[in-house]
């Protein structure tokens, strides 16, 4: 880590030493991107983000502090510092940093997004929703921000509204399993389990898709319909562990039977818009 920081510092020094006779900076003459001051700072920011993602927020804060000593003032540093502090559980410090960033950079979608995530983590859902909405509105081409906004709406019980940003996120990047799951659970909450099943089935096995529908119904309090889905999952995979555990959880009498619950044929779940 120290070696790499020294390497980047050397790149900064090399760029700073290239000045013309009148004291102004010379035009770059083909040096590698990381050899420019701007390129070195971008690399350091990427490093700070990578350190957080790999579970090293304290090291990320050390790198950010070094950059600040060097005169870096980008809003990206505030966002990363807030994120690292959140990961360390230092919520008040993270809140102060992020609100300060938004005060000076109100159009920073990343700052609004990070503050929204912090507020969600603090269980302040009502306060988180407008921050994540601002992030999604300012960066409508960012599937992460759209997903986070949709998730916050689900958490706030606004499942109808959650469908729009989640569909938009999945349209931008159809490979995101987390977004697919969030959209599926929102559809179930809106009384559309069949559509949710088709969505889950597009990327999951039959058993996993049925289990997800069952779990979504269980979250809505629809116990009997959830059991139907869990049993349907066992028709496809009699050893599907999650479905077996769910049946035992919802049906105490199943535990009294010898062996795992049977996968007896059950009617297909029909969409019932009046179901809870």
Foldseek 3Di string as FASTA:
>chain_A
DVVVVVVLVVLDVVQCVQADPVGHGDDDDDDDQSSHPVSSVVVLLVVLVVCVVVPNLVVSVVSLVVVVVVPDDDLSSLLSNLSSCVSVVVLVVSLVSLVVSCVVVVLPLSSLQSNLVSCVVVVVLVVSLVSLVSSCVSCVLDLVSLLSNLLSCVVVVNLVVSLVSLVSSCVNPVVDPSSLLSNLLSCVSQQRNVVSLVSCVVPDPQLVSLQSSLVSCVVVVNLVVSLLSLLSSCVVPVVPPSSQVSCCVSPVVQVVDPDTDHSDDDDDDDRDSPRD
